[in-house]
Amino acid sequence: MNAASLRVAYAQRFKKQVKTGFAYLLILIVSFPLASVHARELTLINGDDTRQIPTASLIQQADTTFTLFDPYQGRDVEMRGFEFRDFLIEQFGEIPPGLHFTAWDDYDVTLSGWDDPNWYMILEEDGEPLTLRSRGPLRLVERDYGARDVNSLREFNDWVWMIRSIEARW
């Protein structure tokens, strides 16, 4: 093979790689907004009743702002949200004995004991709406840590973040 044919072969390979790169970029550009659109609502499930609540309407309900030490970030964070217990009563008529949470990363867990004013649904952190990247768009945190050690992350295993859906378990 001479130098001219090598140049042609490399040029053809380069064009093919550029086309492939543009195809991947186009797929990413199209799919990313779709994922973020779906992360803008909370699904509530109560038996056969399934409802979607836009995150924007939940942000409007956020009536409490407080600062607490976030053990996962290792710093004080200003959080804005609302009391979760009141939200449950508003949505389900009473506080279900258990709640099944599904997160955007497909983590799921069923927890009980929500008749506690210490739990808050957080929608904003340091004045910015939570995103999937910041463990949002919805996060459940405890406002008062009691005597727990903030340096031990195991003490905060019951925080729930990246919440996609909440199902009442009766």
C-alpha atoms as a PDB file:
ATOM      1  CA  MET A   1       0.000   0.000   0.000  1.00  0.00           C
ATOM      2  CA  ASN A   2       1.405   3.386  -0.909  1.00  0.00           C
ATOM      3  CA  ALA A   3       1.155   6.613   1.067  1.00  0.00           C
ATOM      4  CA  ALA A   4      -1.721   8.015  -0.983  1.00  0.00           C
ATOM      5  CA  SER A   5      -3.947   4.980  -0.433  1.00  0.00           C
ATOM      6  CA  LEU A   6      -3.108   5.010   3.295  1.00  0.00           C
ATOM      7  CA  ARG A   7      -4.244   8.637   3.504  1.00  0.00           C
ATOM      8  CA  VAL A   8      -7.505   7.787   1.769  1.00  0.00           C
ATOM      9  CA  ALA A   9      -8.085   4.823   4.111  1.00  0.00           C
ATOM     10  CA  TYR A  10      -7.414   6.968   7.206  1.00  0.00           C
ATOM     11  CA  ALA A  11      -9.657   9.765   5.871  1.00  0.00           C
ATOM     12  CA  GLN A  12     -12.502   7.297   5.281  1.00  0.00           C
ATOM     13  CA  ARG A  13     -12.074   5.806   8.758  1.00  0.00           C
ATOM     14  CA  PHE A  14     -12.031   9.301  10.282  1.00  0.00           C
ATOM     15  CA  LYS A  15     -15.260  10.287   8.461  1.00  0.00           C
ATOM     16  CA  LYS A  16     -16.939   7.102   9.682  1.00  0.00           C
ATOM     17  CA  GLN A  17     -15.881   7.812  13.297  1.00  0.00           C
ATOM     18  CA  VAL A  18     -17.121  11.408  13.055  1.00  0.00           C
ATOM     19  CA  LYS A  19     -20.508  10.231  11.723  1.00  0.00           C
ATOM     20  CA  THR A  20     -20.761   7.672  14.527  1.00  0.00           C
ATOM     21  CA  GLY A  21     -19.860  10.336  17.094  1.00  0.00           C
ATOM     22  CA  PHE A  22     -22.540  12.679  15.764  1.00  0.00           C
ATOM     23  CA  ALA A  23     -25.098   9.860  15.889  1.00  0.00           C
ATOM     24  CA  TYR A  24     -24.293   9.200  19.566  1.00  0.00           C
ATOM     25  CA  LEU A  25     -24.428  12.920  20.322  1.00  0.00           C
ATOM     26  CA  LEU A  26     -27.825  13.222  18.635  1.00  0.00           C
ATOM     27  CA  ILE A  27     -29.182  10.298  20.670  1.00  0.00           C
ATOM     28  CA  LEU A  28     -27.890  11.915  23.866  1.00  0.00           C
ATOM     29  CA  ILE A  29     -29.358  15.316  22.990  1.00  0.00           C
ATOM     30  CA  VAL A  30     -32.766  13.809  22.241  1.00  0.00           C
ATOM     31  CA  SER A  31     -32.943  11.430  25.210  1.00  0.00           C
ATOM     32  CA  PHE A  32     -31.585  13.688  27.988  1.00  0.00           C
ATOM     33  CA  PRO A  33     -34.475  16.195  27.928  1.00  0.00           C
ATOM     34  CA  LEU A  34     -36.949  13.314  27.944  1.00  0.00           C
ATOM     35  CA  ALA A  35     -35.388  11.916  31.134  1.00  0.00           C
ATOM     36  CA  SER A  36     -35.429  15.297  32.845  1.00  0.00           C
ATOM     37  CA  VAL A  37     -39.072  15.894  31.849  1.00  0.00           C
ATOM     38  CA  HIS A  38     -40.136  12.674  33.540  1.00  0.00           C
ATOM     39  CA  ALA A  39     -38.188  13.616  36.679  1.00  0.00           C
ATOM     40  CA  ARG A  40     -40.458  16.626  37.087  1.00  0.00           C
ATOM     41  CA  GLU A  41     -43.352  14.781  38.673  1.00  0.00           C
ATOM     42  CA  LEU A  42     -44.116  12.565  41.628  1.00  0.00           C
ATOM     43  CA  THR A  43     -46.298   9.489  41.207  1.00  0.00           C
ATOM     44  CA  LEU A  44     -48.614   8.737  44.136  1.00  0.00           C
ATOM     45  CA  ILE A  45     -50.186   5.271  44.290  1.00  0.00           C
ATOM     46  CA  ASN A  46     -53.082   4.405  46.575  1.00  0.00           C
ATOM     47  CA  GLY A  47     -54.508   1.009  45.637  1.00  0.00           C
ATOM     48  CA  ASP A  48     -55.908   1.339  42.106  1.00  0.00           C
ATOM     49  CA  ASP A  49     -55.620   5.143  42.148  1.00  0.00           C
ATOM     50  CA  THR A  50     -52.430   6.528  40.566  1.00  0.00           C
ATOM     51  CA  ARG A  51     -51.832  10.283  40.337  1.00  0.00           C
ATOM     52  CA  GLN A  52     -49.025  12.430  38.977  1.00  0.00           C
ATOM     53  CA  ILE A  53     -48.131  15.606  40.866  1.00  0.00           C
ATOM     54  CA  PRO A  54     -45.843  18.076  39.072  1.00  0.00           C
ATOM     55  CA  THR A  55     -42.746  18.970  41.072  1.00  0.00           C
ATOM     56  CA  ALA A  56     -43.486  22.636  40.325  1.00  0.00           C
ATOM     57  CA  SER A  57     -46.732  22.440  42.314  1.00  0.00           C
ATOM     58  CA  LEU A  58     -44.896  20.754  45.187  1.00  0.00           C
ATOM     59  CA  ILE A  59     -42.321  23.558  45.196  1.00  0.00           C
ATOM     60  CA  GLN A  60     -45.201  26.026  45.609  1.00  0.00           C
ATOM     61  CA  GLN A  61     -46.294  24.103  48.730  1.00  0.00           C
ATOM     62  CA  ALA A  62     -42.807  24.329  50.261  1.00  0.00           C
ATOM     63  CA  ASP A  63     -43.437  26.628  53.216  1.00  0.00           C
ATOM     64  CA  THR A  64     -40.516  25.817  55.508  1.00  0.00           C
ATOM     65  CA  THR A  65     -36.844  26.737  55.185  1.00  0.00           C
ATOM     66  CA  PHE A  66     -34.201  25.576  57.638  1.00  0.00           C
ATOM     67  CA  THR A  67     -30.478  24.954  57.779  1.00  0.00           C
ATOM     68  CA  LEU A  68     -29.037  21.670  58.897  1.00  0.00           C
ATOM     69  CA  PHE A  69     -25.819  19.753  58.605  1.00  0.00           C
ATOM     70  CA  ASP A  70     -26.057  17.340  55.674  1.00  0.00           C
ATOM     71  CA  PRO A  71     -23.901  14.363  56.669  1.00  0.00           C
ATOM     72  CA  TYR A  72     -23.607  13.228  53.039  1.00  0.00           C
ATOM     73  CA  GLN A  73     -22.158  16.574  51.934  1.00  0.00           C
ATOM     74  CA  GLY A  74     -20.297  17.281  55.154  1.00  0.00           C
ATOM     75  CA  ARG A  75     -21.586  20.855  55.410  1.00  0.00           C
ATOM     76  CA  ASP A  76     -24.496  23.037  56.517  1.00  0.00           C
ATOM     77  CA  VAL A  77     -27.190  23.231  53.853  1.00  0.00           C
ATOM     78  CA  GLU A  78     -30.258  25.458  53.616  1.00  0.00           C
ATOM     79  CA  MET A  79     -33.228  23.228  52.760  1.00  0.00           C
ATOM     80  CA  ARG A  80     -36.733  24.194  51.694  1.00  0.00           C
ATOM     81  CA  GLY A  81     -39.720  21.889  51.784  1.00  0.00           C
ATOM     82  CA  PHE A  82     -42.801  20.916  53.745  1.00  0.00           C
ATOM     83  CA  GLU A  83     -43.793  18.629  56.589  1.00  0.00           C
ATOM     84  CA  PHE A  84     -44.210  15.142  55.145  1.00  0.00           C
ATOM     85  CA  ARG A  85     -46.831  14.013  57.664  1.00  0.00           C
ATOM     86  CA  ASP A  86     -49.204  16.825  56.601  1.00  0.00           C
ATOM     87  CA  PHE A  87     -48.619  15.951  52.946  1.00  0.00           C
ATOM     88  CA  LEU A  88     -49.555  12.307  53.572  1.00  0.00           C
ATOM     89  CA  ILE A  89     -52.807  13.304  55.282  1.00  0.00           C
ATOM     90  CA  GLU A  90     -53.611  15.695  52.429  1.00  0.00           C
ATOM     91  CA  GLN A  91     -52.939  13.070  49.757  1.00  0.00           C
ATOM     92  CA  PHE A  92     -54.187   9.843  51.375  1.00  0.00           C
ATOM     93  CA  GLY A  93     -56.715  11.117  53.952  1.00  0.00           C
ATOM     94  CA  GLU A  94     -54.614   9.676  56.779  1.00  0.00           C
ATOM     95  CA  ILE A  95     -51.082   8.437  57.359  1.00  0.00           C
ATOM     96  CA  PRO A  96     -50.613   4.993  55.806  1.00  0.00           C
ATOM     97  CA  PRO A  97     -48.966   2.366  58.051  1.00  0.00           C
ATOM     98  CA  GLY A  98     -46.274   1.885  55.417  1.00  0.00           C
ATOM     99  CA  LEU A  99     -44.969   3.629  52.325  1.00  0.00           C
ATOM    100  CA  HIS A 100     -43.200   2.019  49.398  1.00  0.00           C
ATOM    101  CA  PHE A 101     -40.734   4.402  47.741  1.00  0.00           C
ATOM    102  CA  THR A 102     -39.229   3.969  44.289  1.00  0.00           C
ATOM    103  CA  ALA A 103     -36.298   6.170  43.309  1.00  0.00           C
ATOM    104  CA  TRP A 104     -35.149   7.321  39.878  1.00  0.00           C
ATOM    105  CA  ASP A 105     -32.222   4.884  40.076  1.00  0.00           C
ATOM    106  CA  ASP A 106     -34.770   2.048  40.663  1.00  0.00           C
ATOM    107  CA  TYR A 107     -33.878   1.708  44.348  1.00  0.00           C
ATOM    108  CA  ASP A 108     -37.013   0.771  46.256  1.00  0.00           C
ATOM    109  CA  VAL A 109     -37.811   0.402  49.925  1.00  0.00           C
ATOM    110  CA  THR A 110     -40.849   0.109  52.178  1.00  0.00           C
ATOM    111  CA  LEU A 111     -40.713   2.043  55.452  1.00  0.00           C
ATOM    112  CA  SER A 112     -43.178   2.737  58.259  1.00  0.00           C
ATOM    113  CA  GLY A 113     -43.490   5.213  61.128  1.00  0.00           C
ATOM    114  CA  TRP A 114     -44.364   8.380  59.195  1.00  0.00           C
ATOM    115  CA  ASP A 115     -46.587   9.915  61.879  1.00  0.00           C
ATOM    116  CA  ASP A 116     -43.639  12.084  62.901  1.00  0.00           C
ATOM    117  CA  PRO A 117     -43.438  15.870  62.363  1.00  0.00           C
ATOM    118  CA  ASN A 118     -39.653  15.588  62.116  1.00  0.00           C
ATOM    119  CA  TRP A 119     -39.738  14.325  58.483  1.00  0.00           C
ATOM    120  CA  TYR A 120     -39.646  16.891  55.676  1.00  0.00           C
ATOM    121  CA  MET A 121     -40.024  16.552  51.927  1.00  0.00           C
ATOM    122  CA  ILE A 122     -37.219  18.691  50.513  1.00  0.00           C
ATOM    123  CA  LEU A 123     -37.453  20.280  47.063  1.00  0.00           C
ATOM    124  CA  GLU A 124     -34.738  22.956  47.188  1.00  0.00           C
ATOM    125  CA  GLU A 125     -31.236  23.134  48.570  1.00  0.00           C
ATOM    126  CA  ASP A 126     -29.319  26.400  48.995  1.00  0.00           C
ATOM    127  CA  GLY A 127     -32.014  28.188  46.975  1.00  0.00           C
ATOM    128  CA  GLU A 128     -31.852  25.820  43.983  1.00  0.00           C
ATOM    129  CA  PRO A 129     -34.381  23.132  43.008  1.00  0.00           C
ATOM    130  CA  LEU A 130     -33.086  19.619  43.566  1.00  0.00           C
ATOM    131  CA  THR A 131     -32.074  17.702  40.449  1.00  0.00           C
ATOM    132  CA  LEU A 132     -31.274  14.056  39.904  1.00  0.00           C
ATOM    133  CA  ARG A 133     -27.621  15.019  40.174  1.00  0.00           C
ATOM    134  CA  SER A 134     -28.225  16.559  43.623  1.00  0.00           C
ATOM    135  CA  ARG A 135     -30.207  13.534  44.875  1.00  0.00           C
ATOM    136  CA  GLY A 136     -33.557  15.027  43.911  1.00  0.00           C
ATOM    137  CA  PRO A 137     -35.994  16.053  42.631  1.00  0.00           C
ATOM    138  CA  LEU A 138     -37.545  15.028  45.956  1.00  0.00           C
ATOM    139  CA  ARG A 139     -35.781  14.006  49.141  1.00  0.00           C
ATOM    140  CA  LEU A 140     -36.996  13.012  52.611  1.00  0.00           C
ATOM    141  CA  VAL A 141     -34.841  14.185  55.509  1.00  0.00           C
ATOM    142  CA  GLU A 142     -35.177  14.483  59.261  1.00  0.00           C
ATOM    143  CA  ARG A 143     -35.108  18.024  60.566  1.00  0.00           C
ATOM    144  CA  ASP A 144     -33.879  17.073  64.052  1.00  0.00           C
ATOM    145  CA  TYR A 145     -31.096  14.523  64.443  1.00  0.00           C
ATOM    146  CA  GLY A 146     -31.461  14.094  68.176  1.00  0.00           C
ATOM    147  CA  ALA A 147     -28.303  12.588  69.684  1.00  0.00           C
ATOM    148  CA  ARG A 148     -27.110  10.881  66.494  1.00  0.00           C
ATOM    149  CA  ASP A 149     -23.521  11.242  65.360  1.00  0.00           C
ATOM    150  CA  VAL A 150     -23.459  13.317  62.148  1.00  0.00           C
ATOM    151  CA  ASN A 151     -20.074  11.803  61.283  1.00  0.00           C
ATOM    152  CA  SER A 152     -21.581   8.314  61.031  1.00  0.00           C
ATOM    153  CA  LEU A 153     -23.512   7.966  57.765  1.00  0.00           C
ATOM    154  CA  ARG A 154     -25.022   4.715  59.042  1.00  0.00           C
ATOM    155  CA  GLU A 155     -27.088   6.870  61.408  1.00  0.00           C
ATOM    156  CA  PHE A 156     -28.911   8.309  58.362  1.00  0.00           C
ATOM    157  CA  ASN A 157     -29.827   5.137  56.449  1.00  0.00           C
ATOM    158  CA  ASP A 158     -33.519   6.055  56.511  1.00  0.00           C
ATOM    159  CA  TRP A 159     -33.159   9.222  54.426  1.00  0.00           C
ATOM    160  CA  VAL A 160     -34.806   8.658  51.047  1.00  0.00           C
ATOM    161  CA  TRP A 161     -33.782  10.615  47.955  1.00  0.00           C
ATOM    162  CA  MET A 162     -34.359  10.747  44.188  1.00  0.00           C
ATOM    163  CA  ILE A 163     -38.006   9.888  44.906  1.00  0.00           C
ATOM    164  CA  ARG A 164     -39.992   8.960  41.794  1.00  0.00           C
ATOM    165  CA  SER A 165     -43.066   7.386  43.395  1.00  0.00           C
ATOM    166  CA  ILE A 166     -44.715   6.807  46.758  1.00  0.00           C
ATOM    167  CA  GLU A 167     -47.175   3.962  47.239  1.00  0.00           C
ATOM    168  CA  ALA A 168     -49.427   3.722  50.304  1.00  0.00           C
ATOM    169  CA  ARG A 169     -49.253   0.299  51.970  1.00  0.00           C
ATOM    170  CA  TRP A 170     -52.385  -0.332  54.059  1.00  0.00           C
END
